[in-house]
Amino acid sequence: MYSKLCPDCKKKSYSSNVKEKWICPYCGNDLSNVNPSVDSAKVKKTTPSANRKNKP
């Protein structure tokens, strides 16, 4: 998950896609030119299943 801090309202917004136009959901500012950061707290961590090879 990526996050951007809006320079106008100073609030964080989150998205999984950084290639599309990014509008601040709080104030409507265009954040497309703001550099994203990876928010590790919002990244879903997965682990491989030990029994995966036994499932079709």
PDB file of N, CA and C in Angstrom:
ATOM      1  N   MET A   1       0.844  -1.163   0.000  1.00  0.00           N
ATOM      2  CA  MET A   1       0.000   0.000   0.000  1.00  0.00           C
ATOM      3  C   MET A   1       0.896   1.234   0.000  1.00  0.00           C
ATOM      4  N   TYR A   2       0.514   2.212  -0.766  1.00  0.00           N
ATOM      5  CA  TYR A   2       1.269   3.455  -0.854  1.00  0.00           C
ATOM      6  C   TYR A   2       0.494   4.567  -0.141  1.00  0.00           C
ATOM      7  N   SER A   3       1.243   5.539   0.334  1.00  0.00           N
ATOM      8  CA  SER A   3       0.599   6.697   0.951  1.00  0.00           C
ATOM      9  C   SER A   3       1.255   7.964   0.421  1.00  0.00           C
ATOM     10  N   LYS A   4       0.483   9.042   0.440  1.00  0.00           N
ATOM     11  CA  LYS A   4       0.985  10.359   0.072  1.00  0.00           C
ATOM     12  C   LYS A   4       0.457  11.343   1.100  1.00  0.00           C
ATOM     13  N   LEU A   5       1.310  12.286   1.452  1.00  0.00           N
ATOM     14  CA  LEU A   5       0.930  13.332   2.385  1.00  0.00           C
ATOM     15  C   LEU A   5       0.560  14.560   1.573  1.00  0.00           C
ATOM     16  N   CYS A   6      -0.647  15.038   1.737  1.00  0.00           N
ATOM     17  CA  CYS A   6      -1.114  16.202   1.001  1.00  0.00           C
ATOM     18  C   CYS A   6      -0.410  17.453   1.525  1.00  0.00           C
ATOM     19  N   PRO A   7       0.237  18.224   0.640  1.00  0.00           N
ATOM     20  CA  PRO A   7       0.920  19.437   1.087  1.00  0.00           C
ATOM     21  C   PRO A   7      -0.043  20.549   1.503  1.00  0.00           C
ATOM     22  N   ASP A   8      -1.306  20.455   1.089  1.00  0.00           N
ATOM     23  CA  ASP A   8      -2.285  21.486   1.439  1.00  0.00           C
ATOM     24  C   ASP A   8      -2.934  21.241   2.803  1.00  0.00           C
ATOM     25  N   CYS A   9      -3.539  20.051   2.966  1.00  0.00           N
ATOM     26  CA  CYS A   9      -4.276  19.792   4.206  1.00  0.00           C
ATOM     27  C   CYS A   9      -3.476  18.973   5.215  1.00  0.00           C
ATOM     28  N   LYS A  10      -2.299  18.463   4.799  1.00  0.00           N
ATOM     29  CA  LYS A  10      -1.385  17.714   5.682  1.00  0.00           C
ATOM     30  C   LYS A  10      -1.959  16.381   6.155  1.00  0.00           C
ATOM     31  N   LYS A  11      -2.900  15.813   5.387  1.00  0.00           N
ATOM     32  CA  LYS A  11      -3.465  14.507   5.739  1.00  0.00           C
ATOM     33  C   LYS A  11      -2.931  13.456   4.780  1.00  0.00           C
ATOM     34  N   LYS A  12      -2.839  12.211   5.280  1.00  0.00           N
ATOM     35  CA  LYS A  12      -2.350  11.090   4.485  1.00  0.00           C
ATOM     36  C   LYS A  12      -3.499  10.419   3.754  1.00  0.00           C
ATOM     37  N   SER A  13      -3.246  10.049   2.505  1.00  0.00           N
ATOM     38  CA  SER A  13      -4.201   9.219   1.782  1.00  0.00           C
ATOM     39  C   SER A  13      -3.472   7.972   1.299  1.00  0.00           C
ATOM     40  N   TYR A  14      -4.217   6.904   1.051  1.00  0.00           N
ATOM     41  CA  TYR A  14      -3.638   5.599   0.739  1.00  0.00           C
ATOM     42  C   TYR A  14      -4.194   5.071  -0.577  1.00  0.00           C
ATOM     43  N   SER A  15      -3.349   4.324  -1.293  1.00  0.00           N
ATOM     44  CA  SER A  15      -3.773   3.683  -2.530  1.00  0.00           C
ATOM     45  C   SER A  15      -2.852   2.503  -2.818  1.00  0.00           C
ATOM     46  N   SER A  16      -3.348   1.555  -3.574  1.00  0.00           N
ATOM     47  CA  SER A  16      -2.508   0.439  -4.009  1.00  0.00           C
ATOM     48  C   SER A  16      -1.990   0.681  -5.421  1.00  0.00           C
ATOM     49  N   ASN A  17      -2.426   1.763  -6.053  1.00  0.00           N
ATOM     50  CA  ASN A  17      -2.037   2.075  -7.421  1.00  0.00           C
ATOM     51  C   ASN A  17      -1.437   3.478  -7.478  1.00  0.00           C
ATOM     52  N   VAL A  18      -0.179   3.575  -7.881  1.00  0.00           N
ATOM     53  CA  VAL A  18       0.462   4.887  -7.968  1.00  0.00           C
ATOM     54  C   VAL A  18       0.529   5.407  -9.400  1.00  0.00           C
ATOM     55  N   LYS A  19       0.033   4.636 -10.353  1.00  0.00           N
ATOM     56  CA  LYS A  19       0.116   5.038 -11.758  1.00  0.00           C
ATOM     57  C   LYS A  19      -1.054   5.911 -12.200  1.00  0.00           C
ATOM     58  N   GLU A  20      -2.145   5.867 -11.494  1.00  0.00           N
ATOM     59  CA  GLU A  20      -3.321   6.650 -11.845  1.00  0.00           C
ATOM     60  C   GLU A  20      -3.263   8.029 -11.204  1.00  0.00           C
ATOM     61  N   LYS A  21      -4.147   8.916 -11.657  1.00  0.00           N
ATOM     62  CA  LYS A  21      -4.249  10.241 -11.039  1.00  0.00           C
ATOM     63  C   LYS A  21      -4.654  10.059  -9.581  1.00  0.00           C
ATOM     64  N   TRP A  22      -4.036  10.807  -8.699  1.00  0.00           N
ATOM     65  CA  TRP A  22      -4.255  10.661  -7.255  1.00  0.00           C
ATOM     66  C   TRP A  22      -4.779  11.979  -6.707  1.00  0.00           C
ATOM     67  N   ILE A  23      -6.000  11.972  -6.274  1.00  0.00           N
ATOM     68  CA  ILE A  23      -6.652  13.159  -5.716  1.00  0.00           C
ATOM     69  C   ILE A  23      -6.813  12.968  -4.215  1.00  0.00           C
ATOM     70  N   CYS A  24      -6.465  13.990  -3.442  1.00  0.00           N
ATOM     71  CA  CYS A  24      -6.632  13.925  -1.991  1.00  0.00           C
ATOM     72  C   CYS A  24      -8.117  13.784  -1.667  1.00  0.00           C
ATOM     73  N   PRO A  25      -8.487  12.755  -0.915  1.00  0.00           N
ATOM     74  CA  PRO A  25      -9.905  12.553  -0.589  1.00  0.00           C
ATOM     75  C   PRO A  25     -10.433  13.565   0.433  1.00  0.00           C
ATOM     76  N   TYR A  26      -9.558  14.329   1.046  1.00  0.00           N
ATOM     77  CA  TYR A  26      -9.974  15.281   2.078  1.00  0.00           C
ATOM     78  C   TYR A  26     -10.200  16.681   1.532  1.00  0.00           C
ATOM     79  N   CYS A  27      -9.278  17.148   0.648  1.00  0.00           N
ATOM     80  CA  CYS A  27      -9.403  18.537   0.175  1.00  0.00           C
ATOM     81  C   CYS A  27      -9.495  18.654  -1.345  1.00  0.00           C
ATOM     82  N   GLY A  28      -9.303  17.546  -2.076  1.00  0.00           N
ATOM     83  CA  GLY A  28      -9.435  17.574  -3.531  1.00  0.00           C
ATOM     84  C   GLY A  28      -8.174  17.987  -4.272  1.00  0.00           C
ATOM     85  N   ASN A  29      -7.066  18.197  -3.574  1.00  0.00           N
ATOM     86  CA  ASN A  29      -5.808  18.573  -4.202  1.00  0.00           C
ATOM     87  C   ASN A  29      -5.273  17.418  -5.056  1.00  0.00           C
ATOM     88  N   ASP A  30      -4.699  17.727  -6.222  1.00  0.00           N
ATOM     89  CA  ASP A  30      -4.105  16.710  -7.089  1.00  0.00           C
ATOM     90  C   ASP A  30      -2.740  16.323  -6.526  1.00  0.00           C
ATOM     91  N   LEU A  31      -2.606  15.067  -6.121  1.00  0.00           N
ATOM     92  CA  LEU A  31      -1.359  14.574  -5.530  1.00  0.00           C
ATOM     93  C   LEU A  31      -0.534  13.749  -6.517  1.00  0.00           C
ATOM     94  N   SER A  32      -0.882  13.790  -7.788  1.00  0.00           N
ATOM     95  CA  SER A  32      -0.210  12.959  -8.786  1.00  0.00           C
ATOM     96  C   SER A  32       1.291  13.219  -8.845  1.00  0.00           C
ATOM     97  N   ASN A  33       1.736  14.435  -8.569  1.00  0.00           N
ATOM     98  CA  ASN A  33       3.161  14.768  -8.632  1.00  0.00           C
ATOM     99  C   ASN A  33       3.871  14.671  -7.289  1.00  0.00           C
ATOM    100  N   VAL A  34       3.161  14.230  -6.255  1.00  0.00           N
ATOM    101  CA  VAL A  34       3.757  14.034  -4.934  1.00  0.00           C
ATOM    102  C   VAL A  34       4.349  12.625  -4.896  1.00  0.00           C
ATOM    103  N   ASN A  35       5.574  12.499  -4.416  1.00  0.00           N
ATOM    104  CA  ASN A  35       6.210  11.181  -4.335  1.00  0.00           C
ATOM    105  C   ASN A  35       5.511  10.308  -3.290  1.00  0.00           C
ATOM    106  N   PRO A  36       5.180   9.059  -3.674  1.00  0.00           N
ATOM    107  CA  PRO A  36       4.544   8.151  -2.725  1.00  0.00           C
ATOM    108  C   PRO A  36       5.572   7.508  -1.807  1.00  0.00           C
ATOM    109  N   SER A  37       5.099   7.034  -0.679  1.00  0.00           N
ATOM    110  CA  SER A  37       5.936   6.227   0.195  1.00  0.00           C
ATOM    111  C   SER A  37       5.201   4.925   0.476  1.00  0.00           C
ATOM    112  N   VAL A  38       5.958   3.877   0.717  1.00  0.00           N
ATOM    113  CA  VAL A  38       5.357   2.579   1.029  1.00  0.00           C
ATOM    114  C   VAL A  38       5.030   2.580   2.510  1.00  0.00           C
ATOM    115  N   ASP A  39       3.782   2.329   2.815  1.00  0.00           N
ATOM    116  CA  ASP A  39       3.342   2.303   4.202  1.00  0.00           C
ATOM    117  C   ASP A  39       3.263   0.852   4.642  1.00  0.00           C
ATOM    118  N   SER A  40       4.317   0.374   5.289  1.00  0.00           N
ATOM    119  CA  SER A  40       4.402  -1.045   5.654  1.00  0.00           C
ATOM    120  C   SER A  40       3.327  -1.466   6.646  1.00  0.00           C
ATOM    121  N   ALA A  41       2.773  -0.543   7.399  1.00  0.00           N
ATOM    122  CA  ALA A  41       1.699  -0.886   8.337  1.00  0.00           C
ATOM    123  C   ALA A  41       0.428  -1.260   7.595  1.00  0.00           C
ATOM    124  N   LYS A  42       0.285  -0.801   6.343  1.00  0.00           N
ATOM    125  CA  LYS A  42      -0.917  -1.085   5.567  1.00  0.00           C
ATOM    126  C   LYS A  42      -0.721  -2.211   4.560  1.00  0.00           C
ATOM    127  N   VAL A  43       0.493  -2.796   4.508  1.00  0.00           N
ATOM    128  CA  VAL A  43       0.778  -3.877   3.573  1.00  0.00           C
ATOM    129  C   VAL A  43       0.365  -5.193   4.198  1.00  0.00           C
ATOM    130  N   LYS A  44      -0.441  -5.935   3.467  1.00  0.00           N
ATOM    131  CA  LYS A  44      -0.889  -7.237   3.958  1.00  0.00           C
ATOM    132  C   LYS A  44       0.242  -8.238   3.769  1.00  0.00           C
ATOM    133  N   LYS A  45       0.660  -8.845   4.844  1.00  0.00           N
ATOM    134  CA  LYS A  45       1.741  -9.820   4.787  1.00  0.00           C
ATOM    135  C   LYS A  45       1.154 -11.210   4.617  1.00  0.00           C
ATOM    136  N   THR A  46       1.699 -11.935   3.657  1.00  0.00           N
ATOM    137  CA  THR A  46       1.241 -13.299   3.416  1.00  0.00           C
ATOM    138  C   THR A  46       2.415 -14.245   3.570  1.00  0.00           C
ATOM    139  N   THR A  47       2.110 -15.445   3.974  1.00  0.00           N
ATOM    140  CA  THR A  47       3.131 -16.477   4.081  1.00  0.00           C
ATOM    141  C   THR A  47       2.682 -17.677   3.265  1.00  0.00           C
ATOM    142  N   PRO A  48       3.620 -18.347   2.630  1.00  0.00           N
ATOM    143  CA  PRO A  48       3.239 -19.522   1.842  1.00  0.00           C
ATOM    144  C   PRO A  48       2.708 -20.625   2.750  1.00  0.00           C
ATOM    145  N   SER A  49       1.732 -21.321   2.260  1.00  0.00           N
ATOM    146  CA  SER A  49       1.134 -22.409   3.020  1.00  0.00           C
ATOM    147  C   SER A  49       1.996 -23.662   2.914  1.00  0.00           C
ATOM    148  N   ALA A  50       2.214 -24.335   4.020  1.00  0.00           N
ATOM    149  CA  ALA A  50       3.016 -25.563   4.037  1.00  0.00           C
ATOM    150  C   ALA A  50       2.309 -26.685   3.280  1.00  0.00           C
ATOM    151  N   ASN A  51       0.984 -26.637   3.241  1.00  0.00           N
ATOM    152  CA  ASN A  51       0.208 -27.691   2.589  1.00  0.00           C
ATOM    153  C   ASN A  51      -0.208 -27.307   1.174  1.00  0.00           C
ATOM    154  N   ARG A  52       0.347 -26.282   0.630  1.00  0.00           N
ATOM    155  CA  ARG A  52      -0.082 -25.785  -0.674  1.00  0.00           C
ATOM    156  C   ARG A  52       0.089 -26.831  -1.768  1.00  0.00           C
ATOM    157  N   LYS A  53       1.183 -27.617  -1.739  1.00  0.00           N
ATOM    158  CA  LYS A  53       1.412 -28.601  -2.806  1.00  0.00           C
ATOM    159  C   LYS A  53       0.390 -29.728  -2.767  1.00  0.00           C
ATOM    160  N   ASN A  54      -0.295 -29.893  -1.651  1.00  0.00           N
ATOM    161  CA  ASN A  54      -1.318 -30.938  -1.546  1.00  0.00           C
ATOM    162  C   ASN A  54      -2.676 -30.472  -2.056  1.00  0.00           C
ATOM    163  N   LYS A  55      -2.819 -29.169  -2.308  1.00  0.00           N
ATOM    164  CA  LYS A  55      -4.098 -28.646  -2.798  1.00  0.00           C
ATOM    165  C   LYS A  55      -4.065 -28.552  -4.320  1.00  0.00           C
ATOM    166  N   PRO A  56      -5.215 -28.786  -4.953  1.00  0.00           N
ATOM    167  CA  PRO A  56      -5.260 -28.720  -6.428  1.00  0.00           C
ATOM    168  C   PRO A  56      -5.070 -27.313  -6.940  1.00  0.00           C
TER     169      PRO A  56
END
